[in-house]
Protein backbone atom coordinates (compact mmCIF):
# COMPACT_ATOMS: atom_id res chain seq x y z
CA UNK A 1 -18.40 -52.75 -30.91
CA UNK A 2 -21.67 -53.62 -29.17
CA UNK A 3 -24.05 -51.13 -27.64
CA UNK A 4 -22.83 -51.70 -24.06
CA UNK A 5 -19.22 -51.05 -25.08
CA UNK A 6 -20.14 -47.81 -26.77
CA UNK A 7 -22.09 -46.74 -23.69
CA UNK A 8 -19.06 -47.39 -21.42
CA UNK A 9 -16.75 -45.37 -23.68
CA UNK A 10 -19.29 -42.55 -23.85
CA UNK A 11 -19.58 -42.49 -20.06
CA UNK A 12 -15.80 -42.37 -19.66
CA UNK A 13 -15.49 -39.53 -22.14
CA UNK A 14 -18.24 -37.59 -20.40
CA UNK A 15 -16.51 -38.05 -17.06
CA UNK A 16 -13.20 -36.92 -18.52
CA UNK A 17 -14.80 -33.76 -19.92
CA UNK A 18 -16.92 -32.84 -16.93
CA UNK A 19 -14.43 -33.87 -14.25
CA UNK A 20 -12.16 -30.81 -14.60
CA UNK A 21 -15.18 -28.54 -14.65
CA UNK A 22 -16.43 -29.92 -11.36
CA UNK A 23 -12.95 -29.73 -9.87
CA UNK A 24 -12.67 -26.10 -10.88
CA UNK A 25 -15.89 -25.16 -9.16
CA UNK A 26 -14.08 -25.03 -5.80
CA UNK A 27 -11.30 -22.50 -6.27
CA UNK A 28 -9.49 -20.06 -4.01
CA UNK A 29 -7.04 -17.26 -4.63
CA UNK A 30 -4.93 -16.55 -1.55
CA UNK A 31 -1.65 -14.65 -1.25
CA UNK A 32 0.78 -17.39 -0.27
CA UNK A 33 3.36 -15.24 1.52
CA UNK A 34 3.17 -11.87 3.23
CA UNK A 35 5.35 -9.79 5.53
CA UNK A 36 3.77 -8.80 8.83
CA UNK A 37 5.12 -6.23 11.28
CA UNK A 38 5.12 -7.48 14.86
CA UNK A 39 2.62 -5.51 17.04
CA UNK A 40 0.90 -4.10 13.93
CA UNK A 41 -1.69 -5.75 11.65
CA UNK A 42 -1.90 -7.61 8.35
CA UNK A 43 -4.60 -8.18 5.73
CA UNK A 44 -4.52 -11.47 3.81
CA UNK A 45 -6.34 -11.06 0.45
CA UNK A 46 -8.55 -14.05 -0.34
CA UNK A 47 -11.27 -14.83 -2.87
CA UNK A 48 -13.10 -18.06 -3.71
CA UNK A 49 -15.76 -19.64 -5.88
CA UNK A 50 -18.15 -22.43 -4.89
CA UNK A 51 -20.58 -24.80 -6.65
CA UNK A 52 -23.61 -22.82 -5.52
CA UNK A 53 -22.73 -19.86 -7.71
CA UNK A 54 -24.04 -16.60 -6.30
CA UNK A 55 -25.35 -17.12 -2.76
CA UNK A 56 -26.11 -14.76 0.10
CA UNK A 57 -23.65 -14.47 2.97
CA UNK A 58 -26.29 -15.83 5.35
CA UNK A 59 -26.09 -19.24 3.66
CA UNK A 60 -22.30 -19.41 3.93
CA UNK A 61 -19.94 -19.88 6.82
CA UNK A 62 -16.25 -19.17 6.53
CA UNK A 63 -13.42 -20.08 8.85
CA UNK A 64 -9.65 -19.84 8.89
CA UNK A 65 -7.51 -22.49 10.53
CA UNK A 66 -3.84 -23.34 11.04
CA UNK A 67 -2.45 -25.50 8.23
CA UNK A 68 -4.38 -28.79 7.98
CA UNK A 69 -5.56 -28.65 11.58
CA UNK A 70 -9.28 -27.90 11.26
CA UNK A 71 -9.67 -27.77 15.03
CA UNK A 72 -7.09 -24.96 15.33
CA UNK A 73 -9.32 -22.14 14.20
CA UNK A 74 -8.08 -18.57 14.18
CA UNK A 75 -11.36 -17.17 12.83
CA UNK A 76 -14.92 -18.48 13.14
CA UNK A 77 -18.37 -17.04 13.82
CA UNK A 78 -18.49 -18.94 17.10
CA UNK A 79 -15.72 -17.19 19.04
CA UNK A 80 -15.68 -19.92 21.68
CA UNK A 81 -14.30 -22.33 19.05
CA UNK A 82 -11.43 -20.00 18.11
CA UNK A 83 -7.97 -20.48 19.57
CA UNK A 84 -7.74 -18.29 22.65
CA UNK A 85 -4.62 -16.55 21.35
CA UNK A 86 -6.55 -15.27 18.31
CA UNK A 87 -9.85 -14.28 19.90
CA UNK A 88 -10.66 -10.65 19.20
CA UNK A 89 -7.73 -10.29 16.80
CA UNK A 90 -9.23 -11.68 13.57
CA UNK A 91 -12.14 -10.74 11.35
CA UNK A 92 -13.35 -11.24 7.78
CA UNK A 93 -13.41 -8.24 5.47
CA UNK A 94 -16.02 -8.05 2.73
CA UNK A 95 -18.88 -10.50 2.13
CA UNK A 96 -18.71 -14.26 1.64
CA UNK A 97 -21.67 -14.04 -0.75
CA UNK A 98 -19.43 -12.03 -3.07
CA UNK A 99 -16.63 -14.58 -2.81
CA UNK A 100 -14.53 -12.41 -0.51
CA UNK A 101 -12.73 -14.33 2.24
CA UNK A 102 -10.11 -11.66 3.06
CA UNK A 103 -8.81 -11.93 6.62
CA UNK A 104 -7.48 -9.23 8.94
CA UNK A 105 -5.22 -10.06 11.90
CA UNK A 106 -4.37 -7.34 14.41
CA UNK A 107 -1.81 -7.08 17.21
CA UNK A 108 0.56 -9.40 15.33
CA UNK A 109 2.61 -11.72 17.56
CA UNK A 110 6.01 -13.05 16.55
CA UNK A 111 4.53 -16.57 16.34
CA UNK A 112 1.60 -15.68 14.03
CA UNK A 113 3.43 -17.17 11.07
CA UNK A 114 0.82 -19.74 9.98
CA UNK A 115 0.33 -21.12 7.44
CA UNK A 116 -3.33 -20.14 7.60
CA UNK A 117 -5.94 -21.83 5.37
CA UNK A 118 -9.51 -20.89 4.48
CA UNK A 119 -12.52 -23.23 4.70
CA UNK A 120 -16.03 -22.60 3.36
CA UNK A 121 -19.22 -24.28 4.55
CA UNK A 122 -22.67 -24.03 2.96
CA UNK A 123 -25.84 -24.27 4.99
CA UNK A 124 -27.21 -27.86 5.27
CA UNK A 125 -29.42 -28.94 2.38
CA UNK A 126 -32.93 -30.38 2.74
CA UNK A 127 -31.36 -33.84 2.90
CA UNK A 128 -29.25 -32.74 5.88
CA UNK A 129 -25.92 -32.87 4.07
CA UNK A 130 -23.38 -30.09 4.61
CA UNK A 131 -21.40 -28.93 1.59
CA UNK A 132 -17.92 -27.78 2.63
CA UNK A 133 -14.43 -27.40 1.28
CA UNK A 134 -11.02 -26.57 2.77
CA UNK A 135 -8.45 -24.85 0.56
CA UNK A 136 -5.44 -26.47 2.19
CA UNK A 137 -3.44 -26.15 -1.02
CA UNK A 138 -3.80 -22.35 -0.96
CA UNK A 139 -2.65 -21.16 2.44
CA UNK A 140 -0.98 -17.96 3.59
CA UNK A 141 2.33 -17.88 5.41
CA UNK A 142 3.39 -14.77 7.33
CA UNK A 143 7.00 -13.62 7.52
CA UNK A 144 7.54 -11.78 10.78
CA UNK A 145 9.20 -8.35 10.60
CA UNK A 146 10.58 -7.29 14.01
CA UNK A 147 11.30 -3.73 12.81
CA UNK A 148 9.24 -1.42 10.58
CA UNK A 149 10.51 -0.69 7.07
CA UNK A 150 12.12 2.70 6.52
CA UNK A 151 10.41 5.11 4.15
CA UNK A 152 12.06 5.98 0.85
CA UNK A 153 12.58 9.61 -0.14
CA UNK A 154 12.89 10.88 -3.72
CA UNK A 155 13.86 14.44 -4.62
CA UNK A 156 16.02 16.53 -6.99
CA UNK A 157 19.69 16.82 -6.02
CA UNK A 158 19.45 20.55 -5.39
CA UNK A 159 16.76 23.16 -4.83
CA UNK A 160 16.76 26.56 -6.53
CA UNK A 161 16.20 29.62 -4.41
CA UNK A 162 12.74 31.10 -4.95
CA UNK A 163 11.45 28.05 -6.85
CA UNK A 164 9.10 25.21 -5.74
CA UNK A 165 10.89 22.14 -4.42
CA UNK A 166 9.12 18.76 -4.22
CA UNK A 167 10.14 15.71 -2.22
CA UNK A 168 8.21 12.42 -1.95
CA UNK A 169 8.23 9.95 0.92
CA UNK A 170 6.95 6.41 0.34
CA UNK A 171 6.54 3.40 2.61
CA UNK A 172 5.15 -0.08 1.85
CA UNK A 173 2.82 -2.00 4.17
CA UNK A 174 0.47 -5.01 4.34
CA UNK A 175 -2.40 -3.55 6.37
CA UNK A 176 -4.60 -1.21 4.31
CA UNK A 177 -7.30 -1.09 7.00
CA UNK A 178 -4.82 0.66 9.32
CA UNK A 179 -2.31 2.25 6.96
CA UNK A 180 0.84 3.94 8.30
CA UNK A 181 0.80 7.70 8.83
CA UNK A 182 3.53 9.80 7.20
CA UNK A 183 4.58 13.08 8.82
CA UNK A 184 7.17 15.75 7.94
CA UNK A 185 9.53 17.80 10.08
CA UNK A 186 8.54 20.92 8.14
CA UNK A 187 5.80 22.21 5.88
CA UNK A 188 2.08 22.73 6.31
CA UNK A 189 -0.92 20.63 5.37
CA UNK A 190 -1.58 22.96 2.43
CA UNK A 191 1.70 21.87 0.86
CA UNK A 192 1.31 18.13 1.52
CA UNK A 193 -0.53 15.60 -0.65
CA UNK A 194 -1.05 11.97 0.41
CA UNK A 195 -1.69 9.02 -1.92
CA UNK A 196 -2.70 5.43 -1.05
CA UNK A 197 -2.41 2.67 -3.64
CA UNK A 198 -2.06 -1.08 -4.11
CA UNK A 199 1.22 -2.11 -5.75
CA UNK A 200 0.97 -5.92 -5.69
CA UNK A 201 -1.43 -8.52 -4.33
CA UNK A 202 -1.23 -8.10 -0.57
CA UNK A 203 1.11 -5.09 -0.71
CA UNK A 204 0.10 -1.44 -0.50
CA UNK A 205 1.99 1.80 -0.12
CA UNK A 206 1.44 5.28 1.27
CA UNK A 207 3.10 8.22 -0.44
CA UNK A 208 3.32 11.75 0.93
CA UNK A 209 4.34 14.63 -1.37
CA UNK A 210 5.80 17.78 0.22
CA UNK A 211 6.13 20.98 -1.83
CA UNK A 212 7.53 24.32 -0.64
CA UNK A 213 9.42 27.38 -1.93
CA UNK A 214 13.12 26.97 -1.24
CA UNK A 215 14.80 29.93 0.43
CA UNK A 216 18.43 30.80 1.05
CA UNK A 217 18.05 30.00 4.74
CA UNK A 218 17.02 26.41 3.83
CA UNK A 219 20.51 25.61 2.55
CA UNK A 220 22.00 22.61 4.45
CA UNK A 221 18.79 22.18 6.47
CA UNK A 222 17.56 18.67 7.32
CA UNK A 223 14.12 17.37 6.32
CA UNK A 224 12.78 14.25 8.05
CA UNK A 225 9.91 11.98 7.00
CA UNK A 226 8.51 9.67 9.71
CA UNK A 227 6.21 6.70 9.16
CA UNK A 228 4.12 5.59 12.14
CA UNK A 229 2.53 2.16 11.87
CA UNK A 230 -0.52 0.67 13.55
CA UNK A 231 0.63 -0.44 16.98
CA UNK A 232 2.90 2.57 17.49
CA UNK A 233 6.11 1.42 15.78
CA UNK A 234 7.82 4.08 13.66
CA UNK A 235 10.78 4.64 11.33
CA UNK A 236 12.32 7.72 9.72
CA UNK A 237 14.42 8.86 6.80
CA UNK A 238 16.19 12.21 6.35
CA UNK A 239 17.71 14.35 3.62
CA UNK A 240 20.02 17.36 3.71
CA UNK A 241 18.75 20.15 1.48
CA UNK A 242 21.17 22.04 -0.77
CA UNK A 243 19.84 25.32 -2.16
CA UNK A 244 21.35 26.91 -5.26
CA UNK A 245 21.22 30.66 -4.93
CA UNK A 246 19.72 32.77 -7.70
CA UNK A 247 22.40 35.12 -9.07
CA UNK A 248 21.67 38.80 -8.37
CA UNK A 249 23.27 41.24 -10.80
CA UNK A 250 21.80 44.42 -9.29
CA UNK A 251 25.19 45.34 -7.80
CA UNK A 252 26.55 45.50 -11.36
CA UNK A 253 23.55 46.77 -13.33
CA UNK A 254 22.64 49.74 -11.11
CA UNK A 255 26.14 51.37 -10.99
CA UNK A 256 26.50 50.81 -14.75
CA UNK A 257 23.20 52.52 -15.51
CA UNK A 258 24.03 55.39 -13.18
CA UNK A 259 27.46 55.79 -14.80
CA UNK A 260 26.06 55.77 -18.30
CA UNK A 261 23.39 58.28 -17.34
CA UNK A 262 25.94 60.59 -15.77
CA UNK A 263 28.20 60.36 -18.83
CA UNK A 264 25.27 61.13 -21.13
CA UNK A 265 24.27 64.19 -19.10
CA UNK A 266 27.85 65.43 -19.03
CA UNK A 267 28.18 64.93 -22.81
CA UNK A 268 24.99 66.90 -23.45
CA UNK A 269 26.20 69.68 -21.13
CA UNK A 270 29.57 69.90 -22.89
CA UNK A 271 27.88 70.01 -26.31
CA UNK A 272 25.64 72.83 -25.10
CA UNK A 273 28.59 74.84 -23.79
CA UNK A 274 30.57 74.41 -27.02
CA UNK A 275 27.65 75.68 -29.10
CA UNK A 276 27.12 78.60 -26.73
CA UNK A 277 30.68 79.95 -26.94
CA UNK A 278 30.87 79.54 -30.69
């Protein structure tokens, strides 16, 4: 093989090796499908990498658009170029310089289903060229939920009189910036603990833990947990409390002790009298 042939093969091999590396430089990680409660809000997790490596947010511009329609922007720095229906309802969370393109949409409408795609633009270079990339293969679709999800309650089957009783109330959501508020029909703040955590990509949950001392009067009482979402929508779940009474044996023990004491005193008295008359 002559020198030119070897050079061609070498070039092809180099292209085959470096091609995937270049292709991987533009990557995005977007949750493809999320539930969104109508009238509430939703947060679409998004992260990306770009050829420039680490760059400051001031050199980057991010936008979100509907499907492959770049002119149908739902988020952009220039609000005048955003679809009127989305103005004031969308914003980026985090910093583009850190590869964070997470989007928040508030006041969800029943037609905000998307799919929504992210696009990144780098500031023009000295030659005047603008580096940009649209992640149209990684878009987010919203599934509209007309009604809020009901919270789930977990608790022992019965409570024991005079002992602590714990019940948990949990509700899932997709808007951590405005998480639902859980409230109880009984109890005080001192006996309530609240936990926020992420369960899956794009899904979070709020859990409220209620602890109190069960009393006899609580038997067959109803406890309600209510979740109130951003936008004012709410849902509730209830449980009927059954209290197992602690057995009280005082009505048996006290008369028995008194009887035994009386018998002992009488026996001692009789013994004394017998000795005396002997």
